[in-house]
Amino acid sequence: MLNDKIEKEYEIWCDKAIADKDLIPELSTMSQEQIEDAFYRDLAFGTGGLRGTIGAGTNRMNVYTVAKATQGLANYLKKKYEKPSVVIGHDSRIKGDLFAKITAMVLADNGVEVHPWNRLLPVPTVSYATRCLHASAGVMITASHNPSKYNGYKVYGDDGCQITTEAAAEILSEIEKVDVFDVIIPEFDDKMVSYIPDEVLDSFIEEVKKQSVVKEDIDRNVDIVYTPLNGAGLEPVTRVLKETGFDNITVVEEQRNPDGNFPTCPYPNPEIRETMELGLQYCEKVGADLLLATDPDCDRCGIAVKNKNGEYQLLSGNETGLLLLDFICSQRIKNGTMPKNPVMIKTIVTSDMGEQIANHYGVKTINVLTGFKFIGEQIGLLEKQGRESDYIFGFEESYGYLTGGYVRDKDAVDAGFMIAEMFAYYKTHGISLLDKLDELYKTYGYRLNTLHSYEFDGEFGFHKMQDIMKKFHAGVDEFGGKKVKKVLDYSKGLDGLPNSDVLKYLLEGNSSVVVRPSGTEPKLKVYISISAESIDTAGVVEKKITEQMNDYMK
């Protein structure tokens, strides 16, 4: 039985939601359970903007929720800026082009100057163009690596960083004042926008190329298989690689063209092996040296390389990040380009070995909350101190990397180029990436880092996640036989970081467990990091902890 509020809202939508022909039949065939899930709340707006399932309802991504959010953003910008302007981009997501056009028209109708890209491009190009054009804000229509049923609305501030907690709260306050059906949704008129010139993209490409840290001649004849996973990465990634001498590139044809249905990779996330299978098959066919994969909005990059048995082995986000960190530090010192007070930034769920490597090279580590927006924020703080050049690398375990301050979000265009250069450098010196990784483990100790996600859909799942987090907050004495030495409760605001419902358990033996609700999906995420003498020893402990976690999630 629906409560009165939900039933009334549903009836209003049935009467008024006529601007998108796809919503009418969906509304008419909804079950009570579907109605409840679609209308029990408004789609949450936070520092990541909006993200949700495409469809009818207040808790869905559709033309009305996008228009409402945009009206709220317009009201916020007009209060803050005399002549506000906004950069807009989108990737290959279903309705991405439509949502981008609605965003542009609602803003333009409010007297906001609008600068859209004239084609789909990666999310970092929105951050870049926002800074380059001195815009008041940027909007990227994307759901990153989520399945095809999702889309989202990511907002950047005038500094090219994702909006702060304070800005998100102010924008949300404006959004909540708007009635979803009071916003006029104009027809798209390109005379009301100023498209971003290609010179801005050219400038972005040049900034990526400047990230090179190698000063010697190396063999760039690397046989690369690349897949954009039907997303936005094809043009900039292949362009940067070819312009820097990596012209032996095979693109996975089935995943070349933009397609928001992601027919060959239902979950277009390079963290997942199934997503990489087609790329791995291409590697087998052509005998490639290196597989590169970027997610739909091209801010994450996954890789695979051959092992000693000639089989292709995927590297985790932590492993690739540790390799890049060591490579960048060693090359900068070798070539005399290391700043006097270098800084590396990583998230609290990313391998602590990163801090060990940084310490070895005299690099300061800044740990931030999960989400690359917090890394971007720290780069911005360095810039305000006149120290932007001190930033040398930032990474997170979820395959996000950035080597320069030209953008304030993770950038898989940069990551793909830096990985290719690192691979070529070591290949020239007769070293494989896996050999180098083993060397790092011998130096700093072996670490097994794993991520486990537990899904909790709908209103019931939302409340169940909250109940499970309460259990963790109540206290845990041990994980997998390892005693908890200390608990870091970030919900209370630690180390000057914003309050966030994250618990990090420091275990005996230099190991840890982190538990947190996802900010973008109905999931609880558990990050396990085991320090041990060997992969086998670490695996035994990790298995025990995983079994314990499975019991907690029931």
Protein backbone atom coordinates (compact mmCIF):
# COMPACT_ATOMS: atom_id res chain seq x y z
CA MET A 1 0.00 0.00 0.00
CA LEU A 2 1.51 3.34 -1.07
CA ASN A 3 1.61 6.17 1.43
CA ASP A 4 -0.41 9.26 0.52
CA LYS A 5 2.61 11.43 -0.29
CA ILE A 6 4.09 8.95 -2.77
CA GLU A 7 0.73 8.23 -4.36
CA LYS A 8 -0.02 11.95 -4.83
CA GLU A 9 3.41 12.59 -6.37
CA TYR A 10 2.96 9.66 -8.72
CA GLU A 11 -0.44 10.97 -9.86
CA ILE A 12 1.03 14.42 -10.54
CA TRP A 13 3.73 12.83 -12.71
CA CYS A 14 1.15 10.77 -14.60
CA ASP A 15 -0.69 14.00 -15.37
CA LYS A 16 2.22 16.34 -16.13
CA ALA A 17 5.25 14.27 -17.27
CA ILE A 18 4.63 14.64 -21.01
CA ALA A 19 7.84 16.33 -22.18
CA ASP A 20 9.62 12.97 -22.63
CA LYS A 21 7.60 10.37 -24.55
CA ASP A 22 9.57 7.53 -22.89
CA LEU A 23 8.17 8.38 -19.46
CA ILE A 24 4.47 8.08 -20.32
CA PRO A 25 4.33 4.30 -20.93
CA GLU A 26 6.71 3.66 -18.04
CA LEU A 27 4.49 5.54 -15.60
CA SER A 28 1.37 3.73 -16.80
CA THR A 29 2.83 0.26 -16.23
CA MET A 30 4.57 0.73 -12.88
CA SER A 31 3.93 -1.73 -10.07
CA GLN A 32 3.43 -0.44 -6.53
CA GLU A 33 6.96 -1.51 -5.65
CA GLN A 34 8.36 0.36 -8.65
CA ILE A 35 6.33 3.47 -7.80
CA GLU A 36 7.61 3.44 -4.25
CA ASP A 37 11.26 3.13 -5.32
CA ALA A 38 10.88 5.84 -7.98
CA PHE A 39 9.15 8.36 -5.70
CA TYR A 40 10.16 7.69 -2.09
CA ARG A 41 12.76 10.48 -2.26
CA ASP A 42 14.29 13.07 -4.57
CA LEU A 43 17.43 11.94 -6.35
CA ALA A 44 20.22 12.93 -3.96
CA PHE A 45 22.38 15.93 -4.94
CA GLY A 46 25.81 16.20 -3.34
CA THR A 47 29.44 16.93 -4.12
CA GLY A 48 29.21 14.38 -6.95
CA GLY A 49 26.07 16.07 -8.29
CA LEU A 50 23.31 13.64 -9.29
CA ARG A 51 23.55 10.00 -10.28
CA GLY A 52 20.79 7.46 -10.67
CA THR A 53 18.79 5.11 -12.84
CA ILE A 54 17.29 6.60 -15.98
CA GLY A 55 13.49 6.63 -15.83
CA ALA A 56 10.34 8.26 -14.47
CA GLY A 57 10.15 9.59 -10.93
CA THR A 58 11.75 11.98 -8.47
CA ASN A 59 14.42 9.38 -7.65
CA ARG A 60 15.41 8.92 -11.29
CA MET A 61 17.47 10.65 -13.96
CA ASN A 62 15.06 12.22 -16.47
CA VAL A 63 14.43 15.51 -18.27
CA TYR A 64 12.55 16.90 -15.25
CA THR A 65 15.09 16.07 -12.54
CA VAL A 66 17.87 17.39 -14.82
CA ALA A 67 15.94 20.61 -15.53
CA LYS A 68 15.16 21.09 -11.84
CA ALA A 69 18.80 20.62 -10.83
CA THR A 70 19.89 23.01 -13.57
CA GLN A 71 17.41 25.67 -12.46
CA GLY A 72 18.77 25.38 -8.94
CA LEU A 73 22.32 25.67 -10.27
CA ALA A 74 21.34 28.73 -12.34
CA ASN A 75 19.80 30.43 -9.29
CA TYR A 76 22.94 29.72 -7.27
CA LEU A 77 25.27 31.05 -9.98
CA LYS A 78 23.25 34.24 -10.51
CA LYS A 79 23.56 35.03 -6.80
CA LYS A 80 27.30 34.42 -6.81
CA TYR A 81 28.46 35.83 -10.18
CA GLU A 82 27.61 39.02 -12.04
CA LYS A 83 27.91 37.29 -15.43
CA PRO A 84 27.87 33.54 -14.84
CA SER A 85 29.02 31.07 -17.48
CA VAL A 86 29.01 27.27 -17.61
CA VAL A 87 30.96 24.66 -19.59
CA ILE A 88 28.94 21.56 -20.52
CA GLY A 89 30.03 18.10 -21.67
CA HIS A 90 28.62 14.61 -21.96
CA ASP A 91 29.81 11.10 -22.72
CA SER A 92 28.12 8.20 -24.52
CA ARG A 93 25.46 7.51 -21.89
CA ILE A 94 21.82 6.94 -22.88
CA LYS A 95 20.10 10.35 -23.07
CA GLY A 96 23.45 12.04 -22.42
CA ASP A 97 23.10 14.35 -25.42
CA LEU A 98 19.49 15.17 -24.47
CA PHE A 99 20.34 15.95 -20.84
CA ALA A 100 23.28 18.11 -21.95
CA LYS A 101 21.01 20.10 -24.29
CA ILE A 102 18.38 20.58 -21.58
CA THR A 103 21.09 21.75 -19.19
CA ALA A 104 22.32 24.23 -21.80
CA MET A 105 18.86 25.58 -22.60
CA VAL A 106 17.69 25.99 -19.01
CA LEU A 107 20.90 27.85 -18.19
CA ALA A 108 20.68 30.01 -21.32
CA ASP A 109 17.02 30.76 -20.56
CA ASN A 110 18.25 32.12 -17.22
CA GLY A 111 20.76 34.43 -18.86
CA VAL A 112 23.76 32.21 -18.12
CA GLU A 113 26.44 32.07 -20.81
CA VAL A 114 26.76 28.49 -22.02
CA HIS A 115 29.85 26.80 -23.52
CA PRO A 116 29.17 23.19 -24.58
CA TRP A 117 31.60 20.84 -26.28
CA ASN A 118 30.39 20.16 -29.83
CA ARG A 119 30.89 16.39 -29.44
CA LEU A 120 31.32 13.86 -26.67
CA LEU A 121 34.65 14.14 -24.86
CA PRO A 122 36.13 12.88 -21.55
CA VAL A 123 35.18 14.32 -18.18
CA PRO A 124 38.64 15.87 -17.60
CA THR A 125 38.10 18.10 -20.65
CA VAL A 126 35.18 19.75 -18.82
CA SER A 127 37.41 20.45 -15.82
CA TYR A 128 40.07 21.79 -18.19
CA ALA A 129 37.71 23.95 -20.26
CA THR A 130 36.13 25.40 -17.11
CA ARG A 131 39.56 26.64 -16.04
CA CYS A 132 40.68 27.60 -19.53
CA LEU A 133 37.57 29.69 -20.29
CA HIS A 134 37.36 31.11 -16.74
CA ALA A 135 33.81 29.78 -16.46
CA SER A 136 31.80 29.95 -13.25
CA ALA A 137 31.03 26.24 -13.32
CA GLY A 138 31.13 23.08 -15.40
CA VAL A 139 28.55 20.33 -15.86
CA MET A 140 29.36 16.84 -17.16
CA ILE A 141 26.52 14.47 -18.00
CA THR A 142 27.95 11.08 -17.06
CA ALA A 143 27.55 8.10 -14.77
CA SER A 144 31.23 7.20 -15.07
CA HIS A 145 31.64 3.40 -14.91
CA ASN A 146 28.10 2.46 -13.82
CA PRO A 147 25.90 0.06 -15.86
CA SER A 148 23.96 1.40 -18.84
CA LYS A 149 20.75 2.04 -16.90
CA TYR A 150 22.47 4.91 -15.07
CA ASN A 151 23.23 8.50 -15.95
CA GLY A 152 24.44 11.42 -13.88
CA TYR A 153 25.07 15.14 -13.56
CA LYS A 154 28.52 16.12 -12.26
CA VAL A 155 29.17 19.75 -11.30
CA TYR A 156 32.52 21.57 -11.21
CA GLY A 157 33.34 24.88 -9.55
CA ASP A 158 35.15 27.77 -11.20
CA ASP A 159 38.49 26.22 -10.18
CA GLY A 160 37.79 23.07 -12.23
CA CYS A 161 37.34 20.97 -9.07
CA GLN A 162 34.16 19.12 -8.27
CA ILE A 163 32.03 21.33 -6.07
CA THR A 164 32.77 21.53 -2.37
CA THR A 165 30.46 20.28 0.37
CA GLU A 166 29.47 23.89 1.08
CA ALA A 167 28.72 24.69 -2.56
CA ALA A 168 26.73 21.46 -2.94
CA ALA A 169 24.62 22.39 0.09
CA GLU A 170 23.93 25.86 -1.32
CA ILE A 171 22.99 24.47 -4.74
CA LEU A 172 20.79 21.83 -3.12
CA SER A 173 19.03 24.55 -1.16
CA GLU A 174 18.22 26.31 -4.44
CA ILE A 175 17.12 23.05 -6.09
CA GLU A 176 14.71 22.31 -3.24
CA LYS A 177 12.95 25.64 -3.84
CA VAL A 178 12.11 24.60 -7.41
CA ASP A 179 8.95 22.71 -8.35
CA VAL A 180 9.95 20.03 -10.83
CA PHE A 181 7.13 20.95 -13.23
CA ASP A 182 7.57 24.72 -13.01
CA VAL A 183 10.82 24.67 -15.00
CA ILE A 184 10.29 25.50 -18.65
CA ILE A 185 12.23 23.07 -20.87
CA PRO A 186 13.01 25.04 -24.06
CA GLU A 187 13.76 23.47 -27.43
CA PHE A 188 17.48 23.37 -28.13
CA ASP A 189 18.73 26.38 -30.11
CA ASP A 190 22.43 26.44 -30.93
CA LYS A 191 22.23 30.21 -31.45
CA MET A 192 21.90 30.49 -27.66
CA VAL A 193 25.21 28.75 -26.93
CA SER A 194 28.88 29.33 -27.74
CA TYR A 195 30.56 26.04 -28.58
CA ILE A 196 34.03 25.48 -27.14
CA PRO A 197 36.61 25.98 -29.92
CA ASP A 198 38.88 23.08 -30.90
CA GLU A 199 41.85 25.15 -29.77
CA VAL A 200 40.84 24.37 -26.18
CA LEU A 201 41.02 20.63 -26.89
CA ASP A 202 44.38 21.15 -28.63
CA SER A 203 45.60 22.95 -25.51
CA PHE A 204 44.38 20.09 -23.29
CA ILE A 205 46.25 17.56 -25.46
CA GLU A 206 49.45 19.63 -25.20
CA GLU A 207 49.15 19.77 -21.41
CA VAL A 208 48.86 15.98 -21.27
CA LYS A 209 51.94 15.59 -23.48
CA LYS A 210 53.90 17.90 -21.16
CA GLN A 211 53.51 15.32 -18.38
CA SER A 212 56.29 13.21 -19.88
CA VAL A 213 59.07 12.56 -17.35
CA VAL A 214 61.49 10.69 -19.64
CA LYS A 215 64.41 12.70 -21.05
CA GLU A 216 66.21 9.92 -22.97
CA ASP A 217 65.46 8.10 -26.21
CA ILE A 218 63.32 5.03 -25.59
CA ASP A 219 61.76 2.39 -27.82
CA ARG A 220 58.18 3.57 -28.33
CA ASN A 221 57.32 0.73 -30.70
CA VAL A 222 54.95 -0.75 -28.13
CA ASP A 223 52.16 -2.93 -29.52
CA ILE A 224 49.12 -1.48 -27.74
CA VAL A 225 45.54 -2.73 -27.75
CA TYR A 226 43.20 0.08 -26.68
CA THR A 227 39.49 0.04 -25.87
CA PRO A 228 37.38 3.09 -25.01
CA LEU A 229 34.61 0.71 -23.86
CA ASN A 230 32.11 2.45 -26.18
CA GLY A 231 32.80 5.72 -24.37
CA ALA A 232 34.44 9.11 -24.90
CA GLY A 233 38.15 8.23 -24.85
CA LEU A 234 38.89 7.26 -28.46
CA GLU A 235 39.79 10.64 -29.94
CA PRO A 236 42.00 12.14 -27.20
CA VAL A 237 43.68 8.90 -26.05
CA THR A 238 44.75 7.75 -29.52
CA ARG A 239 45.72 11.29 -30.47
CA VAL A 240 48.05 11.75 -27.49
CA LEU A 241 49.62 8.33 -27.99
CA LYS A 242 50.24 8.85 -31.71
CA GLU A 243 51.58 12.37 -31.25
CA THR A 244 54.11 11.06 -28.71
CA GLY A 245 55.37 8.22 -30.91
CA PHE A 246 53.06 5.37 -29.89
CA ASP A 247 51.50 4.69 -33.28
CA ASN A 248 51.25 0.89 -33.10
CA ILE A 249 47.69 0.88 -31.74
CA THR A 250 44.93 -1.67 -32.30
CA VAL A 251 41.47 -0.48 -31.23
CA VAL A 252 38.89 -3.02 -30.09
CA GLU A 253 36.36 -2.57 -32.91
CA GLU A 254 33.30 -3.76 -31.00
CA GLN A 255 34.00 -1.13 -28.35
CA ARG A 256 35.28 1.66 -30.62
CA ASN A 257 32.13 3.67 -31.22
CA PRO A 258 30.05 5.45 -28.57
CA ASP A 259 27.15 3.27 -27.38
CA GLY A 260 25.41 3.85 -24.06
CA ASN A 261 24.02 0.32 -24.08
CA PHE A 262 27.55 -1.10 -23.73
CA PRO A 263 26.57 -4.29 -25.59
CA THR A 264 29.85 -6.15 -25.01
CA CYS A 265 30.56 -4.92 -21.48
CA PRO A 266 27.35 -4.46 -19.43
CA TYR A 267 29.34 -3.07 -16.52
CA PRO A 268 31.85 -0.77 -18.29
CA ASN A 269 34.36 -0.59 -15.47
CA PRO A 270 38.02 -1.51 -16.13
CA GLU A 271 38.24 -2.76 -12.54
CA ILE A 272 36.17 -5.80 -13.57
CA ARG A 273 37.76 -8.65 -15.49
CA GLU A 274 34.66 -9.39 -17.58
CA THR A 275 34.81 -5.83 -18.91
CA MET A 276 38.37 -6.42 -20.10
CA GLU A 277 37.76 -9.82 -21.72
CA LEU A 278 37.31 -8.57 -25.30
CA GLY A 279 40.46 -6.48 -25.00
CA LEU A 280 42.36 -9.48 -23.68
CA GLN A 281 41.14 -11.55 -26.63
CA TYR A 282 42.47 -8.87 -29.00
CA CYS A 283 45.81 -8.99 -27.17
CA GLU A 284 46.00 -12.74 -27.75
CA LYS A 285 45.23 -12.30 -31.46
CA VAL A 286 47.83 -9.61 -32.16
CA GLY A 287 50.39 -10.55 -29.50
CA ALA A 288 50.15 -7.11 -27.92
CA ASP A 289 52.57 -5.80 -25.32
CA LEU A 290 50.05 -3.71 -23.43
CA LEU A 291 46.27 -3.45 -23.01
CA LEU A 292 44.81 -0.04 -22.14
CA ALA A 293 41.11 0.42 -21.32
CA THR A 294 39.31 3.63 -20.36
CA ASP A 295 35.82 3.81 -18.88
CA PRO A 296 32.93 5.65 -20.64
CA ASP A 297 33.81 9.14 -19.37
CA CYS A 298 37.52 8.38 -19.71
CA ASP A 299 38.69 9.19 -16.22
CA ARG A 300 39.67 5.62 -15.21
CA CYS A 301 42.30 3.49 -16.89
CA GLY A 302 42.87 -0.26 -16.57
CA ILE A 303 45.80 -2.24 -18.00
CA ALA A 304 47.10 -5.75 -18.68
CA VAL A 305 50.59 -6.99 -19.57
CA LYS A 306 52.20 -10.35 -20.36
CA ASN A 307 53.60 -12.42 -17.53
CA LYS A 308 56.54 -14.86 -17.75
CA ASN A 309 54.22 -17.59 -19.03
CA GLY A 310 53.12 -15.41 -21.93
CA GLU A 311 49.65 -14.96 -20.40
CA TYR A 312 48.04 -11.56 -20.00
CA GLN A 313 47.75 -10.38 -16.42
CA LEU A 314 45.53 -7.54 -15.26
CA LEU A 315 47.02 -5.06 -12.83
CA SER A 316 44.93 -3.55 -10.05
CA GLY A 317 44.50 0.18 -9.59
CA ASN A 318 46.81 0.07 -6.59
CA GLU A 319 49.51 -1.81 -8.51
CA THR A 320 49.43 0.55 -11.48
CA GLY A 321 49.42 3.56 -9.17
CA LEU A 322 52.41 2.29 -7.18
CA LEU A 323 54.34 1.64 -10.40
CA LEU A 324 53.56 5.12 -11.72
CA LEU A 325 54.49 6.78 -8.43
CA ASP A 326 57.86 5.01 -8.29
CA PHE A 327 58.50 5.68 -11.98
CA ILE A 328 57.67 9.40 -11.76
CA CYS A 329 59.76 9.90 -8.61
CA SER A 330 62.78 8.02 -9.95
CA GLN A 331 62.70 9.81 -13.32
CA ARG A 332 62.26 13.26 -11.77
CA ILE A 333 65.23 12.71 -9.46
CA LYS A 334 67.31 11.25 -12.29
CA ASN A 335 66.56 14.22 -14.55
CA GLY A 336 66.73 16.93 -11.91
CA THR A 337 63.04 17.87 -12.24
CA MET A 338 61.86 16.96 -8.74
CA PRO A 339 60.50 20.07 -6.97
CA LYS A 340 62.06 21.12 -3.68
CA ASN A 341 58.97 20.20 -1.65
CA PRO A 342 57.21 17.50 -3.69
CA VAL A 343 53.72 16.28 -2.79
CA MET A 344 51.84 13.07 -3.60
CA ILE A 345 48.12 12.79 -2.81
CA LYS A 346 46.15 9.59 -2.33
CA THR A 347 42.86 8.50 -0.81
CA ILE A 348 42.63 6.76 2.57
CA VAL A 349 41.46 3.51 0.92
CA THR A 350 44.44 3.44 -1.45
CA SER A 351 47.44 1.22 -0.64
CA ASP A 352 49.55 2.56 2.21
CA MET A 353 52.58 1.33 0.28
CA GLY A 354 52.19 4.54 -1.71
CA GLU A 355 53.24 6.49 1.36
CA GLN A 356 56.24 4.18 1.87
CA ILE A 357 57.41 4.79 -1.72
CA ALA A 358 56.87 8.53 -1.35
CA ASN A 359 58.88 8.61 1.88
CA HIS A 360 61.73 6.77 0.15
CA TYR A 361 61.99 9.59 -2.40
CA GLY A 362 61.47 12.41 0.09
CA VAL A 363 57.96 13.14 -1.14
CA LYS A 364 55.26 14.29 1.27
CA THR A 365 52.00 12.28 1.25
CA ILE A 366 48.61 13.89 1.76
CA ASN A 367 45.81 11.42 2.53
CA VAL A 368 42.26 12.45 1.63
CA LEU A 369 38.77 10.97 1.72
CA THR A 370 37.58 8.64 -1.02
CA GLY A 371 36.83 10.50 -4.24
CA PHE A 372 39.21 12.21 -6.61
CA LYS A 373 37.47 15.53 -5.91
CA PHE A 374 39.41 15.65 -2.66
CA ILE A 375 42.69 15.21 -4.53
CA GLY A 376 41.65 18.03 -6.87
CA GLU A 377 40.83 20.17 -3.85
CA GLN A 378 44.34 19.68 -2.43
CA ILE A 379 45.91 20.66 -5.77
CA GLY A 380 43.82 23.82 -5.62
CA LEU A 381 45.08 24.58 -2.12
CA LEU A 382 48.67 24.14 -3.30
CA GLU A 383 47.95 26.52 -6.18
CA LYS A 384 46.68 29.20 -3.77
CA GLN A 385 49.99 28.88 -1.91
CA GLY A 386 51.93 29.30 -5.17
CA ARG A 387 52.99 25.64 -4.95
CA GLU A 388 51.04 23.97 -7.75
CA SER A 389 54.29 22.69 -9.29
CA ASP A 390 55.04 20.78 -6.05
CA TYR A 391 52.24 18.35 -6.92
CA ILE A 392 53.73 15.39 -8.79
CA PHE A 393 51.09 12.64 -8.62
CA GLY A 394 47.70 11.71 -7.26
CA PHE A 395 45.96 8.36 -7.39
CA GLU A 396 43.17 6.23 -5.99
CA GLU A 397 42.75 2.47 -5.93
CA SER A 398 39.74 2.70 -8.26
CA TYR A 399 41.99 3.23 -11.31
CA GLY A 400 42.14 7.03 -11.14
CA TYR A 401 45.44 8.86 -11.78
CA LEU A 402 46.65 12.41 -12.46
CA THR A 403 50.22 13.64 -12.88
CA GLY A 404 49.71 17.40 -13.30
CA GLY A 405 47.58 20.30 -12.07
CA TYR A 406 46.20 21.25 -15.50
CA VAL A 407 42.89 19.59 -14.50
CA ARG A 408 41.39 18.88 -11.10
CA ASP A 409 39.95 15.43 -11.69
CA LYS A 410 41.37 12.06 -12.60
CA ASP A 411 42.35 11.83 -16.25
CA ALA A 412 42.62 8.56 -18.18
CA VAL A 413 44.05 10.40 -21.22
CA ASP A 414 47.02 11.35 -19.05
CA ALA A 415 47.06 7.92 -17.38
CA GLY A 416 47.10 6.04 -20.70
CA PHE A 417 50.00 8.15 -21.95
CA MET A 418 52.02 7.88 -18.72
CA ILE A 419 51.49 4.12 -18.54
CA ALA A 420 52.59 3.71 -22.16
CA GLU A 421 55.71 5.82 -21.50
CA MET A 422 56.51 3.89 -18.34
CA PHE A 423 56.07 0.58 -20.17
CA ALA A 424 58.30 1.74 -23.05
CA TYR A 425 60.99 3.01 -20.68
CA TYR A 426 61.22 -0.28 -18.81
CA LYS A 427 60.99 -2.29 -22.04
CA THR A 428 63.96 -0.33 -23.40
CA HIS A 429 65.90 -1.34 -20.28
CA GLY A 430 64.79 -4.98 -20.47
CA ILE A 431 62.41 -4.81 -17.52
CA SER A 432 58.74 -5.81 -17.49
CA LEU A 433 56.15 -4.01 -15.37
CA LEU A 434 55.58 -7.23 -13.42
CA ASP A 435 59.33 -7.51 -12.72
CA LYS A 436 59.30 -3.93 -11.46
CA LEU A 437 56.27 -4.62 -9.30
CA ASP A 438 58.01 -7.65 -7.74
CA GLU A 439 61.00 -5.42 -7.03
CA LEU A 440 58.76 -2.95 -5.19
CA TYR A 441 57.23 -5.76 -3.14
CA LYS A 442 60.68 -7.04 -2.21
CA THR A 443 61.67 -3.55 -1.12
CA TYR A 444 58.55 -2.55 0.79
CA GLY A 445 56.90 -5.91 1.62
CA TYR A 446 54.10 -7.71 -0.20
CA ARG A 447 50.61 -6.23 0.01
CA LEU A 448 47.35 -7.80 -1.06
CA ASN A 449 44.65 -5.17 -1.63
CA THR A 450 41.10 -6.25 -2.48
CA LEU A 451 37.75 -4.52 -2.81
CA HIS A 452 34.40 -6.15 -2.06
CA SER A 453 31.08 -4.47 -2.90
CA TYR A 454 27.74 -5.43 -1.39
CA GLU A 455 24.64 -4.16 -3.19
CA PHE A 456 21.51 -2.93 -1.37
CA ASP A 457 18.85 -1.70 -3.80
CA GLY A 458 15.79 0.43 -3.08
CA GLU A 459 14.45 1.97 0.10
CA PHE A 460 14.76 -1.29 2.08
CA GLY A 461 18.38 -1.66 0.98
CA PHE A 462 19.13 1.95 1.90
CA HIS A 463 17.93 1.40 5.48
CA LYS A 464 19.70 -1.96 5.73
CA MET A 465 23.01 -0.29 4.80
CA GLN A 466 22.47 2.23 7.58
CA ASP A 467 21.81 -0.58 10.07
CA ILE A 468 24.95 -2.45 9.02
CA MET A 469 27.08 0.70 9.41
CA LYS A 470 25.66 1.10 12.94
CA LYS A 471 26.96 -2.40 13.75
CA PHE A 472 30.43 -1.47 12.56
CA HIS A 473 30.34 1.78 14.54
CA ALA A 474 29.38 -0.22 17.65
CA GLY A 475 32.82 -1.85 17.51
CA VAL A 476 34.72 -4.81 16.06
CA ASP A 477 37.57 -6.49 17.96
CA GLU A 478 39.21 -8.47 15.18
CA PHE A 479 39.12 -9.27 11.47
CA GLY A 480 40.26 -12.65 10.18
CA GLY A 481 42.11 -13.39 13.42
CA LYS A 482 44.00 -10.07 13.35
CA LYS A 483 43.27 -7.80 16.31
CA VAL A 484 42.06 -4.26 15.72
CA LYS A 485 44.74 -1.95 17.08
CA LYS A 486 43.03 1.34 16.25
CA VAL A 487 39.83 2.60 14.62
CA LEU A 488 39.81 5.76 12.50
CA ASP A 489 36.23 7.08 12.48
CA TYR A 490 36.01 9.68 9.73
CA SER A 491 32.37 10.44 10.57
CA LYS A 492 33.79 12.60 13.36
CA GLY A 493 36.13 14.49 11.03
CA LEU A 494 39.76 13.34 11.31
CA ASP A 495 42.98 15.06 10.21
CA GLY A 496 41.09 18.16 9.10
CA LEU A 497 39.00 16.14 6.61
CA PRO A 498 35.24 16.64 6.19
CA ASN A 499 32.93 14.33 8.12
CA SER A 500 32.31 11.15 6.14
CA ASP A 501 30.76 7.82 7.14
CA VAL A 502 33.99 5.86 6.73
CA LEU A 503 35.63 3.51 9.22
CA LYS A 504 39.25 2.41 8.86
CA TYR A 505 40.38 -0.42 11.13
CA LEU A 506 44.15 -0.61 11.62
CA LEU A 507 45.04 -4.25 12.30
CA GLU A 508 48.12 -5.89 13.77
CA GLY A 509 50.77 -6.72 11.18
CA ASN A 510 50.43 -3.43 9.27
CA SER A 511 47.11 -4.47 7.68
CA SER A 512 43.79 -2.65 7.49
CA VAL A 513 40.08 -2.86 6.66
CA VAL A 514 37.99 0.10 5.47
CA VAL A 515 34.20 0.09 5.36
CA ARG A 516 32.13 2.81 3.69
CA PRO A 517 28.85 3.32 1.83
CA SER A 518 29.38 4.25 -1.83
CA GLY A 519 28.57 7.84 -2.72
CA THR A 520 27.32 6.97 -6.20
CA GLU A 521 25.75 3.50 -6.01
CA PRO A 522 23.53 1.57 -3.53
CA LYS A 523 26.52 -0.37 -2.22
CA LEU A 524 28.63 -0.89 0.86
CA LYS A 525 32.30 -1.14 -0.03
CA VAL A 526 34.95 -3.00 1.95
CA TYR A 527 38.65 -2.44 1.25
CA ILE A 528 41.01 -5.07 2.63
CA SER A 529 44.77 -4.52 2.74
CA ILE A 530 46.98 -7.34 4.01
CA SER A 531 50.71 -6.98 4.54
CA ALA A 532 52.49 -10.36 4.49
CA GLU A 533 55.63 -12.21 3.41
CA SER A 534 53.93 -13.79 0.39
CA ILE A 535 50.77 -13.73 -1.68
CA ASP A 536 49.75 -17.12 -0.28
CA THR A 537 50.00 -16.00 3.35
CA ALA A 538 48.12 -12.79 2.57
CA GLY A 539 45.46 -14.73 0.69
CA VAL A 540 44.63 -16.92 3.68
CA VAL A 541 44.03 -13.90 5.92
CA GLU A 542 42.10 -12.06 3.22
CA LYS A 543 39.79 -15.05 2.74
CA LYS A 544 39.00 -15.18 6.46
CA ILE A 545 38.18 -11.47 6.54
CA THR A 546 36.00 -11.78 3.44
CA GLU A 547 34.01 -14.64 4.99
CA GLN A 548 33.54 -12.55 8.14
CA MET A 549 32.34 -9.60 6.04
CA ASN A 550 29.89 -11.78 4.15
CA ASP A 551 28.29 -12.70 7.49
CA TYR A 552 28.05 -9.03 8.47
CA MET A 553 26.24 -8.17 5.24
CA LYS A 554 23.47 -10.77 5.62
